[in-house]
């Protein structure tokens, strides 16, 4: 059965009435716990990466190792960015989810 172009446009514009709801599936609280734990693990790993990067930066600076110093700086910036992303992950997803729900 072939649909006309107008029928396809109307079909795409149809609102199915679906929105995110909590509590619909079993195990949602377990999934939230797992994701929160992964986020905490990531933050702890970033703290370690930042400490190592800062140590490499300092070591490179004091020994005259310009490559080590540059790598330490890059590592510190990447670790800081990762910490920013991990800390803001929930807010970023909530922002874009709210923004996406406004699309009509």
C-alpha atoms as a PDB file:
ATOM      1  CA  UNK A   1       0.000   0.000   0.000  1.00  0.00           C
ATOM      2  CA  UNK A   2       1.568   3.238  -1.176  1.00  0.00           C
ATOM      3  CA  UNK A   3       1.022   6.510   0.685  1.00  0.00           C
ATOM      4  CA  UNK A   4       0.794   9.867  -1.015  1.00  0.00           C
ATOM      5  CA  UNK A   5       3.223  12.619  -0.069  1.00  0.00           C
ATOM      6  CA  UNK A   6       0.514  14.504   1.832  1.00  0.00           C
ATOM      7  CA  UNK A   7      -0.340  11.367   3.824  1.00  0.00           C
ATOM      8  CA  UNK A   8       3.342  10.884   4.677  1.00  0.00           C
ATOM      9  CA  UNK A   9       3.629  14.470   5.939  1.00  0.00           C
ATOM     10  CA  UNK A  10       0.494  14.051   8.035  1.00  0.00           C
ATOM     11  CA  UNK A  11       1.841  10.758   9.367  1.00  0.00           C
ATOM     12  CA  UNK A  12       5.118  12.438  10.385  1.00  0.00           C
ATOM     13  CA  UNK A  13       3.236  15.314  12.025  1.00  0.00           C
ATOM     14  CA  UNK A  14       1.078  12.942  14.070  1.00  0.00           C
ATOM     15  CA  UNK A  15       1.689  13.245  17.800  1.00  0.00           C
ATOM     16  CA  UNK A  16       1.978   9.750  19.280  1.00  0.00           C
ATOM     17  CA  UNK A  17       1.526  11.139  22.819  1.00  0.00           C
ATOM     18  CA  UNK A  18       4.648   9.494  24.231  1.00  0.00           C
ATOM     19  CA  UNK A  19       6.644  11.176  27.000  1.00  0.00           C
ATOM     20  CA  UNK A  20       9.227   9.879  29.484  1.00  0.00           C
ATOM     21  CA  UNK A  21       7.765   8.447  32.690  1.00  0.00           C
ATOM     22  CA  UNK A  22       9.441   7.012  35.729  1.00  0.00           C
ATOM     23  CA  UNK A  23       8.333   3.755  37.290  1.00  0.00           C
ATOM     24  CA  UNK A  24       7.052   2.102  34.123  1.00  0.00           C
ATOM     25  CA  UNK A  25       9.712  -0.582  33.970  1.00  0.00           C
ATOM     26  CA  UNK A  26      11.113  -2.716  36.756  1.00  0.00           C
ATOM     27  CA  UNK A  27      14.718  -2.080  37.672  1.00  0.00           C
ATOM     28  CA  UNK A  28      14.710   1.666  37.067  1.00  0.00           C
ATOM     29  CA  UNK A  29      16.092   2.389  40.534  1.00  0.00           C
ATOM     30  CA  UNK A  30      18.840  -0.202  39.978  1.00  0.00           C
ATOM     31  CA  UNK A  31      19.757   1.410  36.658  1.00  0.00           C
ATOM     32  CA  UNK A  32      19.911   4.848  38.304  1.00  0.00           C
ATOM     33  CA  UNK A  33      22.169   3.390  40.989  1.00  0.00           C
ATOM     34  CA  UNK A  34      24.488   1.829  38.396  1.00  0.00           C
ATOM     35  CA  UNK A  35      24.756   5.029  36.355  1.00  0.00           C
ATOM     36  CA  UNK A  36      25.395   7.104  39.497  1.00  0.00           C
ATOM     37  CA  UNK A  37      28.128   4.680  40.518  1.00  0.00           C
ATOM     38  CA  UNK A  38      29.727   4.851  37.063  1.00  0.00           C
ATOM     39  CA  UNK A  39      29.663   8.656  37.274  1.00  0.00           C
ATOM     40  CA  UNK A  40      31.321   8.561  40.719  1.00  0.00           C
ATOM     41  CA  UNK A  41      33.951   6.114  39.449  1.00  0.00           C
ATOM     42  CA  UNK A  42      34.671   8.476  36.551  1.00  0.00           C
ATOM     43  CA  UNK A  43      35.048  11.462  38.871  1.00  0.00           C
ATOM     44  CA  UNK A  44      37.462   9.545  41.110  1.00  0.00           C
ATOM     45  CA  UNK A  45      39.470   8.458  38.050  1.00  0.00           C
ATOM     46  CA  UNK A  46      39.625  12.076  36.866  1.00  0.00           C
ATOM     47  CA  UNK A  47      41.005  13.162  40.243  1.00  0.00           C
ATOM     48  CA  UNK A  48      43.807  10.611  39.821  1.00  0.00           C
ATOM     49  CA  UNK A  49      44.440  11.664  36.232  1.00  0.00           C
ATOM     50  CA  UNK A  50      44.588  15.308  37.259  1.00  0.00           C
ATOM     51  CA  UNK A  51      47.071  14.556  40.042  1.00  0.00           C
ATOM     52  CA  UNK A  52      49.324  12.581  37.674  1.00  0.00           C
ATOM     53  CA  UNK A  53      49.090  15.264  34.977  1.00  0.00           C
ATOM     54  CA  UNK A  54      49.988  18.015  37.406  1.00  0.00           C
ATOM     55  CA  UNK A  55      52.938  15.978  38.683  1.00  0.00           C
ATOM     56  CA  UNK A  56      54.167  15.403  35.108  1.00  0.00           C
ATOM     57  CA  UNK A  57      53.735  19.105  34.366  1.00  0.00           C
ATOM     58  CA  UNK A  58      55.777  20.074  37.447  1.00  0.00           C
ATOM     59  CA  UNK A  59      58.435  17.423  36.778  1.00  0.00           C
ATOM     60  CA  UNK A  60      58.775  18.526  33.154  1.00  0.00           C
ATOM     61  CA  UNK A  61      59.040  22.157  34.172  1.00  0.00           C
ATOM     62  CA  UNK A  62      61.727  21.591  36.785  1.00  0.00           C
ATOM     63  CA  UNK A  63      63.829  19.206  34.692  1.00  0.00           C
ATOM     64  CA  UNK A  64      63.593  21.189  31.485  1.00  0.00           C
ATOM     65  CA  UNK A  65      61.627  18.465  29.726  1.00  0.00           C
ATOM     66  CA  UNK A  66      59.475  20.570  27.461  1.00  0.00           C
ATOM     67  CA  UNK A  67      57.631  17.571  25.999  1.00  0.00           C
ATOM     68  CA  UNK A  68      56.739  16.266  29.469  1.00  0.00           C
ATOM     69  CA  UNK A  69      55.656  19.735  30.518  1.00  0.00           C
ATOM     70  CA  UNK A  70      53.408  20.089  27.460  1.00  0.00           C
ATOM     71  CA  UNK A  71      51.913  16.626  28.019  1.00  0.00           C
ATOM     72  CA  UNK A  72      51.258  17.464  31.658  1.00  0.00           C
ATOM     73  CA  UNK A  73      49.462  20.648  30.645  1.00  0.00           C
ATOM     74  CA  UNK A  74      47.354  18.785  28.085  1.00  0.00           C
ATOM     75  CA  UNK A  75      46.505  16.106  30.626  1.00  0.00           C
ATOM     76  CA  UNK A  76      45.467  18.699  33.197  1.00  0.00           C
ATOM     77  CA  UNK A  77      43.212  20.461  30.709  1.00  0.00           C
ATOM     78  CA  UNK A  78      41.659  17.183  29.558  1.00  0.00           C
ATOM     79  CA  UNK A  79      41.103  16.055  33.161  1.00  0.00           C
ATOM     80  CA  UNK A  80      39.501  19.392  34.024  1.00  0.00           C
ATOM     81  CA  UNK A  81      37.225  19.110  30.993  1.00  0.00           C
ATOM     82  CA  UNK A  82      36.291  15.557  31.913  1.00  0.00           C
ATOM     83  CA  UNK A  83      35.472  16.660  35.465  1.00  0.00           C
ATOM     84  CA  UNK A  84      33.311  19.444  34.068  1.00  0.00           C
ATOM     85  CA  UNK A  85      31.486  17.015  31.789  1.00  0.00           C
ATOM     86  CA  UNK A  86      30.964  14.390  34.481  1.00  0.00           C
ATOM     87  CA  UNK A  87      29.762  16.926  37.016  1.00  0.00           C
ATOM     88  CA  UNK A  88      27.417  18.615  34.563  1.00  0.00           C
ATOM     89  CA  UNK A  89      26.151  15.456  32.836  1.00  0.00           C
ATOM     90  CA  UNK A  90      22.811  15.364  34.637  1.00  0.00           C
ATOM     91  CA  UNK A  91      22.181  19.072  34.085  1.00  0.00           C
ATOM     92  CA  UNK A  92      23.167  18.897  30.402  1.00  0.00           C
ATOM     93  CA  UNK A  93      20.835  15.973  29.750  1.00  0.00           C
ATOM     94  CA  UNK A  94      18.016  17.638  31.710  1.00  0.00           C
ATOM     95  CA  UNK A  95      18.503  20.897  29.773  1.00  0.00           C
ATOM     96  CA  UNK A  96      18.393  19.280  26.341  1.00  0.00           C
ATOM     97  CA  UNK A  97      15.547  16.970  27.359  1.00  0.00           C
ATOM     98  CA  UNK A  98      13.489  19.989  28.430  1.00  0.00           C
ATOM     99  CA  UNK A  99      14.484  21.786  25.245  1.00  0.00           C
ATOM    100  CA  UNK A 100      13.511  18.775  23.146  1.00  0.00           C
ATOM    101  CA  UNK A 101      10.125  18.490  24.849  1.00  0.00           C
ATOM    102  CA  UNK A 102       9.310  22.011  23.647  1.00  0.00           C
ATOM    103  CA  UNK A 103       9.638  21.035  19.969  1.00  0.00           C
ATOM    104  CA  UNK A 104       6.264  20.840  18.295  1.00  0.00           C
END
